[in-house]
Amino acid sequence: MIQITYHFIDAIFYFAAFAVPIYFIAKSRHQKIGSDLLLKLMILLASFMVIQFIYHVAGMFDLMILSKGIHEPLSAMAMAMFAIYYFFSIKKIKMGEKEERASE
């Protein structure tokens, strides 16, 4: 019973948190942003949250193969992709700033 409650509460929180990147994605589609790095990061973050939401819903119904076997490694991959993309985005931004300072 405690496990079901845990999965239910976590599913609610992930669903609520999923609204933030989706709102940002919807708003930024209508506006031209100079760089789409943040948009891509938000898409990766939203995909992680959806995977985690499905993981907790499957865990709530005691579908361990679906939750632990498929969605847990999938969410780890999504978070790793987010981290790698974030790392290279920051590196790219810093390189651009160094080039700007050098050209002044």
PDB file of N, CA and C in Angstrom:
ATOM      1  N   MET A   1       0.824  -1.205   0.000  1.00  0.00           N
ATOM      2  CA  MET A   1       0.000   0.000   0.000  1.00  0.00           C
ATOM      3  C   MET A   1       0.866   1.267   0.000  1.00  0.00           C
ATOM      4  N   ILE A   2       1.958   1.245   0.750  1.00  0.00           N
ATOM      5  CA  ILE A   2       2.841   2.406   0.805  1.00  0.00           C
ATOM      6  C   ILE A   2       3.477   2.646  -0.560  1.00  0.00           C
ATOM      7  N   GLN A   3       3.839   1.562  -1.253  1.00  0.00           N
ATOM      8  CA  GLN A   3       4.463   1.682  -2.567  1.00  0.00           C
ATOM      9  C   GLN A   3       3.506   2.318  -3.581  1.00  0.00           C
ATOM     10  N   ILE A   4       2.244   1.951  -3.525  1.00  0.00           N
ATOM     11  CA  ILE A   4       1.245   2.517  -4.437  1.00  0.00           C
ATOM     12  C   ILE A   4       1.092   4.012  -4.166  1.00  0.00           C
ATOM     13  N   THR A   5       1.026   4.382  -2.894  1.00  0.00           N
ATOM     14  CA  THR A   5       0.911   5.793  -2.527  1.00  0.00           C
ATOM     15  C   THR A   5       2.130   6.581  -2.987  1.00  0.00           C
ATOM     16  N   TYR A   6       3.304   6.000  -2.805  1.00  0.00           N
ATOM     17  CA  TYR A   6       4.544   6.646  -3.248  1.00  0.00           C
ATOM     18  C   TYR A   6       4.514   6.895  -4.749  1.00  0.00           C
ATOM     19  N   HIS A   7       4.156   5.875  -5.528  1.00  0.00           N
ATOM     20  CA  HIS A   7       4.115   6.034  -6.979  1.00  0.00           C
ATOM     21  C   HIS A   7       3.049   7.037  -7.405  1.00  0.00           C
ATOM     22  N   PHE A   8       1.917   7.032  -6.720  1.00  0.00           N
ATOM     23  CA  PHE A   8       0.841   7.963  -7.050  1.00  0.00           C
ATOM     24  C   PHE A   8       1.267   9.410  -6.819  1.00  0.00           C
ATOM     25  N   ILE A   9       1.871   9.671  -5.662  1.00  0.00           N
ATOM     26  CA  ILE A   9       2.307  11.034  -5.341  1.00  0.00           C
ATOM     27  C   ILE A   9       3.408  11.484  -6.294  1.00  0.00           C
ATOM     28  N   ASP A  10       4.364  10.602  -6.570  1.00  0.00           N
ATOM     29  CA  ASP A  10       5.431  10.954  -7.509  1.00  0.00           C
ATOM     30  C   ASP A  10       4.887  11.203  -8.912  1.00  0.00           C
ATOM     31  N   ALA A  11       3.913  10.414  -9.339  1.00  0.00           N
ATOM     32  CA  ALA A  11       3.322  10.611 -10.662  1.00  0.00           C
ATOM     33  C   ALA A  11       2.650  11.981 -10.750  1.00  0.00           C
ATOM     34  N   ILE A  12       1.977  12.375  -9.689  1.00  0.00           N
ATOM     35  CA  ILE A  12       1.337  13.694  -9.669  1.00  0.00           C
ATOM     36  C   ILE A  12       2.383  14.800  -9.773  1.00  0.00           C
ATOM     37  N   PHE A  13       3.460  14.679  -9.007  1.00  0.00           N
ATOM     38  CA  PHE A  13       4.505  15.706  -9.043  1.00  0.00           C
ATOM     39  C   PHE A  13       5.210  15.772 -10.394  1.00  0.00           C
ATOM     40  N   TYR A  14       5.489  14.628 -10.991  1.00  0.00           N
ATOM     41  CA  TYR A  14       6.132  14.650 -12.309  1.00  0.00           C
ATOM     42  C   TYR A  14       5.203  15.224 -13.368  1.00  0.00           C
ATOM     43  N   PHE A  15       3.919  14.917 -13.268  1.00  0.00           N
ATOM     44  CA  PHE A  15       2.968  15.476 -14.228  1.00  0.00           C
ATOM     45  C   PHE A  15       2.873  16.993 -14.070  1.00  0.00           C
ATOM     46  N   ALA A  16       2.857  17.459 -12.821  1.00  0.00           N
ATOM     47  CA  ALA A  16       2.797  18.905 -12.574  1.00  0.00           C
ATOM     48  C   ALA A  16       4.087  19.586 -13.044  1.00  0.00           C
ATOM     49  N   ALA A  17       5.221  18.950 -12.793  1.00  0.00           N
ATOM     50  CA  ALA A  17       6.502  19.530 -13.216  1.00  0.00           C
ATOM     51  C   ALA A  17       6.646  19.513 -14.730  1.00  0.00           C
ATOM     52  N   PHE A  18       5.992  18.581 -15.378  1.00  0.00           N
ATOM     53  CA  PHE A  18       6.022  18.478 -16.837  1.00  0.00           C
ATOM     54  C   PHE A  18       5.396  19.708 -17.491  1.00  0.00           C
ATOM     55  N   ALA A  19       4.516  20.376 -16.772  1.00  0.00           N
ATOM     56  CA  ALA A  19       3.840  21.553 -17.323  1.00  0.00           C
ATOM     57  C   ALA A  19       4.796  22.715 -17.552  1.00  0.00           C
ATOM     58  N   VAL A  20       5.842  22.829 -16.752  1.00  0.00           N
ATOM     59  CA  VAL A  20       6.768  23.959 -16.872  1.00  0.00           C
ATOM     60  C   VAL A  20       7.531  23.934 -18.198  1.00  0.00           C
ATOM     61  N   PRO A  21       8.223  22.823 -18.552  1.00  0.00           N
ATOM     62  CA  PRO A  21       8.914  22.850 -19.847  1.00  0.00           C
ATOM     63  C   PRO A  21       7.957  22.905 -21.038  1.00  0.00           C
ATOM     64  N   ILE A  22       6.780  22.299 -20.904  1.00  0.00           N
ATOM     65  CA  ILE A  22       5.806  22.350 -22.000  1.00  0.00           C
ATOM     66  C   ILE A  22       5.316  23.782 -22.207  1.00  0.00           C
ATOM     67  N   TYR A  23       5.087  24.493 -21.116  1.00  0.00           N
ATOM     68  CA  TYR A  23       4.679  25.894 -21.218  1.00  0.00           C
ATOM     69  C   TYR A  23       5.774  26.712 -21.900  1.00  0.00           C
ATOM     70  N   PHE A  24       7.022  26.489 -21.493  1.00  0.00           N
ATOM     71  CA  PHE A  24       8.140  27.206 -22.103  1.00  0.00           C
ATOM     72  C   PHE A  24       8.259  26.884 -23.586  1.00  0.00           C
ATOM     73  N   ILE A  25       8.114  25.613 -23.938  1.00  0.00           N
ATOM     74  CA  ILE A  25       8.208  25.204 -25.347  1.00  0.00           C
ATOM     75  C   ILE A  25       7.095  25.858 -26.159  1.00  0.00           C
ATOM     76  N   ALA A  26       5.878  25.851 -25.615  1.00  0.00           N
ATOM     77  CA  ALA A  26       4.753  26.459 -26.328  1.00  0.00           C
ATOM     78  C   ALA A  26       4.952  27.965 -26.507  1.00  0.00           C
ATOM     79  N   LYS A  27       5.432  28.641 -25.478  1.00  0.00           N
ATOM     80  CA  LYS A  27       5.653  30.085 -25.569  1.00  0.00           C
ATOM     81  C   LYS A  27       6.803  30.424 -26.516  1.00  0.00           C
ATOM     82  N   SER A  28       7.856  29.622 -26.494  1.00  0.00           N
ATOM     83  CA  SER A  28       9.025  29.953 -27.309  1.00  0.00           C
ATOM     84  C   SER A  28       8.818  29.601 -28.780  1.00  0.00           C
ATOM     85  N   ARG A  29       7.864  28.776 -29.096  1.00  0.00           N
ATOM     86  CA  ARG A  29       7.574  28.470 -30.502  1.00  0.00           C
ATOM     87  C   ARG A  29       7.022  29.692 -31.228  1.00  0.00           C
ATOM     88  N   HIS A  30       6.307  30.545 -30.495  1.00  0.00           N
ATOM     89  CA  HIS A  30       5.708  31.733 -31.097  1.00  0.00           C
ATOM     90  C   HIS A  30       6.686  32.893 -31.181  1.00  0.00           C
ATOM     91  N   GLN A  31       7.770  32.842 -30.415  1.00  0.00           N
ATOM     92  CA  GLN A  31       8.748  33.912 -30.409  1.00  0.00           C
ATOM     93  C   GLN A  31      10.039  33.403 -31.020  1.00  0.00           C
ATOM     94  N   LYS A  32      10.729  34.274 -31.671  1.00  0.00           N
ATOM     95  CA  LYS A  32      12.026  33.895 -32.239  1.00  0.00           C
ATOM     96  C   LYS A  32      13.100  34.082 -31.172  1.00  0.00           C
ATOM     97  N   ILE A  33      13.713  32.989 -30.781  1.00  0.00           N
ATOM     98  CA  ILE A  33      14.798  33.036 -29.813  1.00  0.00           C
ATOM     99  C   ILE A  33      16.096  32.957 -30.593  1.00  0.00           C
ATOM    100  N   GLY A  34      17.072  33.745 -30.189  1.00  0.00           N
ATOM    101  CA  GLY A  34      18.349  33.767 -30.890  1.00  0.00           C
ATOM    102  C   GLY A  34      19.008  32.407 -30.955  1.00  0.00           C
ATOM    103  N   SER A  35      18.891  31.642 -29.916  1.00  0.00           N
ATOM    104  CA  SER A  35      19.507  30.324 -29.869  1.00  0.00           C
ATOM    105  C   SER A  35      18.453  29.315 -29.440  1.00  0.00           C
ATOM    106  N   ASP A  36      18.477  28.174 -30.075  1.00  0.00           N
ATOM    107  CA  ASP A  36      17.488  27.167 -29.707  1.00  0.00           C
ATOM    108  C   ASP A  36      18.064  26.133 -28.735  1.00  0.00           C
ATOM    109  N   LEU A  37      19.193  26.458 -28.105  1.00  0.00           N
ATOM    110  CA  LEU A  37      19.789  25.545 -27.128  1.00  0.00           C
ATOM    111  C   LEU A  37      18.849  25.298 -25.961  1.00  0.00           C
ATOM    112  N   LEU A  38      18.262  26.374 -25.446  1.00  0.00           N
ATOM    113  CA  LEU A  38      17.359  26.237 -24.305  1.00  0.00           C
ATOM    114  C   LEU A  38      16.107  25.458 -24.683  1.00  0.00           C
ATOM    115  N   LEU A  39      15.623  25.669 -25.879  1.00  0.00           N
ATOM    116  CA  LEU A  39      14.446  24.938 -26.342  1.00  0.00           C
ATOM    117  C   LEU A  39      14.729  23.437 -26.402  1.00  0.00           C
ATOM    118  N   LYS A  40      15.887  23.067 -26.937  1.00  0.00           N
ATOM    119  CA  LYS A  40      16.244  21.653 -27.005  1.00  0.00           C
ATOM    120  C   LYS A  40      16.442  21.061 -25.618  1.00  0.00           C
ATOM    121  N   LEU A  41      17.012  21.833 -24.708  1.00  0.00           N
ATOM    122  CA  LEU A  41      17.161  21.354 -23.328  1.00  0.00           C
ATOM    123  C   LEU A  41      15.800  21.135 -22.675  1.00  0.00           C
ATOM    124  N   MET A  42      14.873  22.028 -22.934  1.00  0.00           N
ATOM    125  CA  MET A  42      13.531  21.872 -22.367  1.00  0.00           C
ATOM    126  C   MET A  42      12.813  20.649 -22.939  1.00  0.00           C
ATOM    127  N   ILE A  43      13.034  20.373 -24.217  1.00  0.00           N
ATOM    128  CA  ILE A  43      12.433  19.182 -24.827  1.00  0.00           C
ATOM    129  C   ILE A  43      13.010  17.915 -24.184  1.00  0.00           C
ATOM    130  N   LEU A  44      14.320  17.896 -23.971  1.00  0.00           N
ATOM    131  CA  LEU A  44      14.939  16.740 -23.315  1.00  0.00           C
ATOM    132  C   LEU A  44      14.453  16.589 -21.877  1.00  0.00           C
ATOM    133  N   LEU A  45      14.305  17.705 -21.161  1.00  0.00           N
ATOM    134  CA  LEU A  45      13.806  17.653 -19.789  1.00  0.00           C
ATOM    135  C   LEU A  45      12.358  17.177 -19.748  1.00  0.00           C
ATOM    136  N   ALA A  46      11.557  17.650 -20.680  1.00  0.00           N
ATOM    137  CA  ALA A  46      10.157  17.222 -20.737  1.00  0.00           C
ATOM    138  C   ALA A  46      10.053  15.737 -21.051  1.00  0.00           C
ATOM    139  N   SER A  47      10.917  15.235 -21.936  1.00  0.00           N
ATOM    140  CA  SER A  47      10.872  13.800 -22.246  1.00  0.00           C
ATOM    141  C   SER A  47      11.255  12.975 -21.025  1.00  0.00           C
ATOM    142  N   PHE A  48      12.234  13.442 -20.249  1.00  0.00           N
ATOM    143  CA  PHE A  48      12.592  12.749 -19.012  1.00  0.00           C
ATOM    144  C   PHE A  48      11.406  12.706 -18.060  1.00  0.00           C
ATOM    145  N   MET A  49      10.711  13.817 -17.928  1.00  0.00           N
ATOM    146  CA  MET A  49       9.581  13.872 -16.996  1.00  0.00           C
ATOM    147  C   MET A  49       8.432  12.981 -17.437  1.00  0.00           C
ATOM    148  N   VAL A  50       8.188  12.903 -18.737  1.00  0.00           N
ATOM    149  CA  VAL A  50       7.130  12.017 -19.229  1.00  0.00           C
ATOM    150  C   VAL A  50       7.493  10.559 -18.957  1.00  0.00           C
ATOM    151  N   ILE A  51       8.738  10.213 -19.198  1.00  0.00           N
ATOM    152  CA  ILE A  51       9.184   8.838 -18.942  1.00  0.00           C
ATOM    153  C   ILE A  51       9.047   8.516 -17.458  1.00  0.00           C
ATOM    154  N   GLN A  52       9.427   9.449 -16.594  1.00  0.00           N
ATOM    155  CA  GLN A  52       9.301   9.215 -15.155  1.00  0.00           C
ATOM    156  C   GLN A  52       7.832   9.105 -14.739  1.00  0.00           C
ATOM    157  N   PHE A  53       6.978   9.919 -15.345  1.00  0.00           N
ATOM    158  CA  PHE A  53       5.541   9.830 -15.055  1.00  0.00           C
ATOM    159  C   PHE A  53       5.003   8.451 -15.413  1.00  0.00           C
ATOM    160  N   ILE A  54       5.349   7.951 -16.599  1.00  0.00           N
ATOM    161  CA  ILE A  54       4.891   6.624 -17.021  1.00  0.00           C
ATOM    162  C   ILE A  54       5.482   5.544 -16.122  1.00  0.00           C
ATOM    163  N   TYR A  55       6.745   5.730 -15.722  1.00  0.00           N
ATOM    164  CA  TYR A  55       7.394   4.797 -14.801  1.00  0.00           C
ATOM    165  C   TYR A  55       6.598   4.669 -13.503  1.00  0.00           C
ATOM    166  N   HIS A  56       6.178   5.794 -12.940  1.00  0.00           N
ATOM    167  CA  HIS A  56       5.449   5.757 -11.675  1.00  0.00           C
ATOM    168  C   HIS A  56       4.020   5.244 -11.846  1.00  0.00           C
ATOM    169  N   VAL A  57       3.399   5.532 -12.966  1.00  0.00           N
ATOM    170  CA  VAL A  57       2.053   4.987 -13.208  1.00  0.00           C
ATOM    171  C   VAL A  57       2.132   3.466 -13.360  1.00  0.00           C
ATOM    172  N   ALA A  58       3.143   2.988 -14.085  1.00  0.00           N
ATOM    173  CA  ALA A  58       3.322   1.537 -14.229  1.00  0.00           C
ATOM    174  C   ALA A  58       3.653   0.900 -12.882  1.00  0.00           C
ATOM    175  N   GLY A  59       4.450   1.570 -12.076  1.00  0.00           N
ATOM    176  CA  GLY A  59       4.766   1.053 -10.740  1.00  0.00           C
ATOM    177  C   GLY A  59       3.557   1.038  -9.842  1.00  0.00           C
ATOM    178  N   MET A  60       2.660   1.988 -10.030  1.00  0.00           N
ATOM    179  CA  MET A  60       1.442   2.038  -9.234  1.00  0.00           C
ATOM    180  C   MET A  60       0.553   0.829  -9.523  1.00  0.00           C
ATOM    181  N   PHE A  61       0.559   0.362 -10.768  1.00  0.00           N
ATOM    182  CA  PHE A  61      -0.227  -0.814 -11.143  1.00  0.00           C
ATOM    183  C   PHE A  61       0.575  -2.100 -11.032  1.00  0.00           C
ATOM    184  N   ASP A  62       1.750  -2.020 -10.407  1.00  0.00           N
ATOM    185  CA  ASP A  62       2.617  -3.168 -10.138  1.00  0.00           C
ATOM    186  C   ASP A  62       3.087  -3.867 -11.415  1.00  0.00           C
ATOM    187  N   LEU A  63       3.354  -3.090 -12.449  1.00  0.00           N
ATOM    188  CA  LEU A  63       3.903  -3.613 -13.699  1.00  0.00           C
ATOM    189  C   LEU A  63       5.416  -3.427 -13.662  1.00  0.00           C
ATOM    190  N   MET A  64       6.086  -4.302 -12.949  1.00  0.00           N
ATOM    191  CA  MET A  64       7.514  -4.131 -12.687  1.00  0.00           C
ATOM    192  C   MET A  64       8.378  -4.251 -13.944  1.00  0.00           C
ATOM    193  N   ILE A  65       8.002  -5.128 -14.865  1.00  0.00           N
ATOM    194  CA  ILE A  65       8.801  -5.261 -16.084  1.00  0.00           C
ATOM    195  C   ILE A  65       8.738  -3.961 -16.885  1.00  0.00           C
ATOM    196  N   LEU A  66       7.565  -3.372 -16.954  1.00  0.00           N
ATOM    197  CA  LEU A  66       7.408  -2.119 -17.686  1.00  0.00           C
ATOM    198  C   LEU A  66       8.108  -0.970 -16.963  1.00  0.00           C
ATOM    199  N   SER A  67       7.936  -0.909 -15.650  1.00  0.00           N
ATOM    200  CA  SER A  67       8.524   0.223 -14.926  1.00  0.00           C
ATOM    201  C   SER A  67      10.019   0.057 -14.713  1.00  0.00           C
ATOM    202  N   LYS A  68      10.429  -1.021 -14.088  1.00  0.00           N
ATOM    203  CA  LYS A  68      11.855  -1.216 -13.772  1.00  0.00           C
ATOM    204  C   LYS A  68      12.662  -1.665 -14.985  1.00  0.00           C
ATOM    205  N   GLY A  69      12.070  -2.496 -15.826  1.00  0.00           N
ATOM    206  CA  GLY A  69      12.811  -3.065 -16.938  1.00  0.00           C
ATOM    207  C   GLY A  69      12.963  -2.151 -18.132  1.00  0.00           C
ATOM    208  N   ILE A  70      11.955  -1.318 -18.386  1.00  0.00           N
ATOM    209  CA  ILE A  70      11.984  -0.482 -19.591  1.00  0.00           C
ATOM    210  C   ILE A  70      12.151   0.999 -19.245  1.00  0.00           C
ATOM    211  N   HIS A  71      11.272   1.521 -18.395  1.00  0.00           N
ATOM    212  CA  HIS A  71      11.260   2.968 -18.174  1.00  0.00           C
ATOM    213  C   HIS A  71      12.380   3.469 -17.272  1.00  0.00           C
ATOM    214  N   GLU A  72      12.872   2.649 -16.376  1.00  0.00           N
ATOM    215  CA  GLU A  72      13.980   3.107 -15.536  1.00  0.00           C
ATOM    216  C   GLU A  72      15.255   3.322 -16.352  1.00  0.00           C
ATOM    217  N   PRO A  73      15.679   2.347 -17.193  1.00  0.00           N
ATOM    218  CA  PRO A  73      16.856   2.625 -18.027  1.00  0.00           C
ATOM    219  C   PRO A  73      16.598   3.721 -19.062  1.00  0.00           C
ATOM    220  N   LEU A  74      15.374   3.797 -19.557  1.00  0.00           N
ATOM    221  CA  LEU A  74      15.032   4.830 -20.530  1.00  0.00           C
ATOM    222  C   LEU A  74      15.130   6.226 -19.907  1.00  0.00           C
ATOM    223  N   SER A  75      14.680   6.361 -18.668  1.00  0.00           N
ATOM    224  CA  SER A  75      14.788   7.667 -18.010  1.00  0.00           C
ATOM    225  C   SER A  75      16.236   8.010 -17.695  1.00  0.00           C
ATOM    226  N   ALA A  76      17.038   7.008 -17.374  1.00  0.00           N
ATOM    227  CA  ALA A  76      18.472   7.268 -17.149  1.00  0.00           C
ATOM    228  C   ALA A  76      19.134   7.734 -18.442  1.00  0.00           C
ATOM    229  N   MET A  77      18.760   7.140 -19.565  1.00  0.00           N
ATOM    230  CA  MET A  77      19.307   7.571 -20.861  1.00  0.00           C
ATOM    231  C   MET A  77      18.873   8.995 -21.190  1.00  0.00           C
ATOM    232  N   ALA A  78      17.605   9.318 -20.917  1.00  0.00           N
ATOM    233  CA  ALA A  78      17.099  10.665 -21.195  1.00  0.00           C
ATOM    234  C   ALA A  78      17.829  11.702 -20.344  1.00  0.00           C
ATOM    235  N   MET A  79      18.068  11.379 -19.077  1.00  0.00           N
ATOM    236  CA  MET A  79      18.779  12.320 -18.212  1.00  0.00           C
ATOM    237  C   MET A  79      20.244  12.442 -18.621  1.00  0.00           C
ATOM    238  N   ALA A  80      20.847  11.346 -19.053  1.00  0.00           N
ATOM    239  CA  ALA A  80      22.232  11.394 -19.531  1.00  0.00           C
ATOM    240  C   ALA A  80      22.323  12.234 -20.803  1.00  0.00           C
ATOM    241  N   MET A  81      21.363  12.085 -21.706  1.00  0.00           N
ATOM    242  CA  MET A  81      21.352  12.902 -22.921  1.00  0.00           C
ATOM    243  C   MET A  81      21.196  14.381 -22.574  1.00  0.00           C
ATOM    244  N   PHE A  82      20.340  14.672 -21.597  1.00  0.00           N
ATOM    245  CA  PHE A  82      20.158  16.048 -21.134  1.00  0.00           C
ATOM    246  C   PHE A  82      21.475  16.604 -20.599  1.00  0.00           C
ATOM    247  N   ALA A  83      22.162  15.820 -19.767  1.00  0.00           N
ATOM    248  CA  ALA A  83      23.418  16.276 -19.164  1.00  0.00           C
ATOM    249  C   ALA A  83      24.505  16.492 -20.221  1.00  0.00           C
ATOM    250  N   ILE A  84      24.602  15.575 -21.167  1.00  0.00           N
ATOM    251  CA  ILE A  84      25.616  15.698 -22.225  1.00  0.00           C
ATOM    252  C   ILE A  84      25.335  16.915 -23.097  1.00  0.00           C
ATOM    253  N   TYR A  85      24.078  17.095 -23.488  1.00  0.00           N
ATOM    254  CA  TYR A  85      23.715  18.246 -24.310  1.00  0.00           C
ATOM    255  C   TYR A  85      23.941  19.553 -23.548  1.00  0.00           C
ATOM    256  N   TYR A  86      23.624  19.553 -22.267  1.00  0.00           N
ATOM    257  CA  TYR A  86      23.852  20.736 -21.433  1.00  0.00           C
ATOM    258  C   TYR A  86      25.335  21.058 -21.363  1.00  0.00           C
ATOM    259  N   PHE A  87      26.168  20.038 -21.149  1.00  0.00           N
ATOM    260  CA  PHE A  87      27.607  20.226 -21.057  1.00  0.00           C
ATOM    261  C   PHE A  87      28.159  20.855 -22.334  1.00  0.00           C
ATOM    262  N   PHE A  88      27.789  20.298 -23.486  1.00  0.00           N
ATOM    263  CA  PHE A  88      28.304  20.838 -24.745  1.00  0.00           C
ATOM    264  C   PHE A  88      27.706  22.201 -25.078  1.00  0.00           C
ATOM    265  N   SER A  89      26.489  22.461 -24.641  1.00  0.00           N
ATOM    266  CA  SER A  89      25.886  23.783 -24.866  1.00  0.00           C
ATOM    267  C   SER A  89      26.628  24.852 -24.088  1.00  0.00           C
ATOM    268  N   ILE A  90      26.928  24.564 -22.833  1.00  0.00           N
ATOM    269  CA  ILE A  90      27.665  25.523 -22.011  1.00  0.00           C
ATOM    270  C   ILE A  90      29.056  25.751 -22.587  1.00  0.00           C
ATOM    271  N   LYS A  91      29.689  24.676 -23.033  1.00  0.00           N
ATOM    272  CA  LYS A  91      31.012  24.787 -23.641  1.00  0.00           C
ATOM    273  C   LYS A  91      30.959  25.668 -24.899  1.00  0.00           C
ATOM    274  N   LYS A  92      29.924  25.478 -25.709  1.00  0.00           N
ATOM    275  CA  LYS A  92      29.758  26.261 -26.938  1.00  0.00           C
ATOM    276  C   LYS A  92      29.526  27.736 -26.617  1.00  0.00           C
ATOM    277  N   ILE A  93      28.741  28.010 -25.605  1.00  0.00           N
ATOM    278  CA  ILE A  93      28.461  29.389 -25.202  1.00  0.00           C
ATOM    279  C   ILE A  93      29.736  30.060 -24.704  1.00  0.00           C
ATOM    280  N   LYS A  94      30.514  29.344 -23.885  1.00  0.00           N
ATOM    281  CA  LYS A  94      31.760  29.915 -23.365  1.00  0.00           C
ATOM    282  C   LYS A  94      32.768  30.168 -24.477  1.00  0.00           C
ATOM    283  N   MET A  95      32.838  29.270 -25.461  1.00  0.00           N
ATOM    284  CA  MET A  95      33.742  29.480 -26.594  1.00  0.00           C
ATOM    285  C   MET A  95      33.323  30.708 -27.385  1.00  0.00           C
ATOM    286  N   GLY A  96      32.018  30.909 -27.553  1.00  0.00           N
ATOM    287  CA  GLY A  96      31.515  32.091 -28.249  1.00  0.00           C
ATOM    288  C   GLY A  96      31.850  33.364 -27.517  1.00  0.00           C
ATOM    289  N   GLU A  97      31.783  33.350 -26.180  1.00  0.00           N
ATOM    290  CA  GLU A  97      32.137  34.522 -25.396  1.00  0.00           C
ATOM    291  C   GLU A  97      33.621  34.837 -25.492  1.00  0.00           C
ATOM    292  N   LYS A  98      34.456  33.803 -25.504  1.00  0.00           N
ATOM    293  CA  LYS A  98      35.892  34.025 -25.639  1.00  0.00           C
ATOM    294  C   LYS A  98      36.227  34.623 -27.007  1.00  0.00           C
ATOM    295  N   GLU A  99      35.554  34.154 -28.046  1.00  0.00           N
ATOM    296  CA  GLU A  99      35.786  34.691 -29.382  1.00  0.00           C
ATOM    297  C   GLU A  99      35.326  36.136 -29.471  1.00  0.00           C
ATOM    298  N   GLU A 100      34.232  36.467 -28.788  1.00  0.00           N
ATOM    299  CA  GLU A 100      33.735  37.838 -28.777  1.00  0.00           C
ATOM    300  C   GLU A 100      34.738  38.777 -28.115  1.00  0.00           C
ATOM    301  N   ARG A 101      35.272  38.326 -26.976  1.00  0.00           N
ATOM    302  CA  ARG A 101      36.252  39.153 -26.247  1.00  0.00           C
ATOM    303  C   ARG A 101      37.534  39.316 -27.053  1.00  0.00           C
ATOM    304  N   ALA A 102      37.913  38.273 -27.771  1.00  0.00           N
ATOM    305  CA  ALA A 102      39.143  38.336 -28.569  1.00  0.00           C
ATOM    306  C   ALA A 102      38.994  39.284 -29.747  1.00  0.00           C
ATOM    307  N   SER A 103      37.791  39.399 -30.276  1.00  0.00           N
ATOM    308  CA  SER A 103      37.586  40.258 -31.445  1.00  0.00           C
ATOM    309  C   SER A 103      37.435  41.728 -31.074  1.00  0.00           C
ATOM    310  N   GLU A 104      37.285  42.023 -29.792  1.00  0.00           N
ATOM    311  CA  GLU A 104      37.116  43.428 -29.365  1.00  0.00           C
ATOM    312  C   GLU A 104      38.381  44.191 -29.374  1.00  0.00           C
TER     313      GLU A 104
END
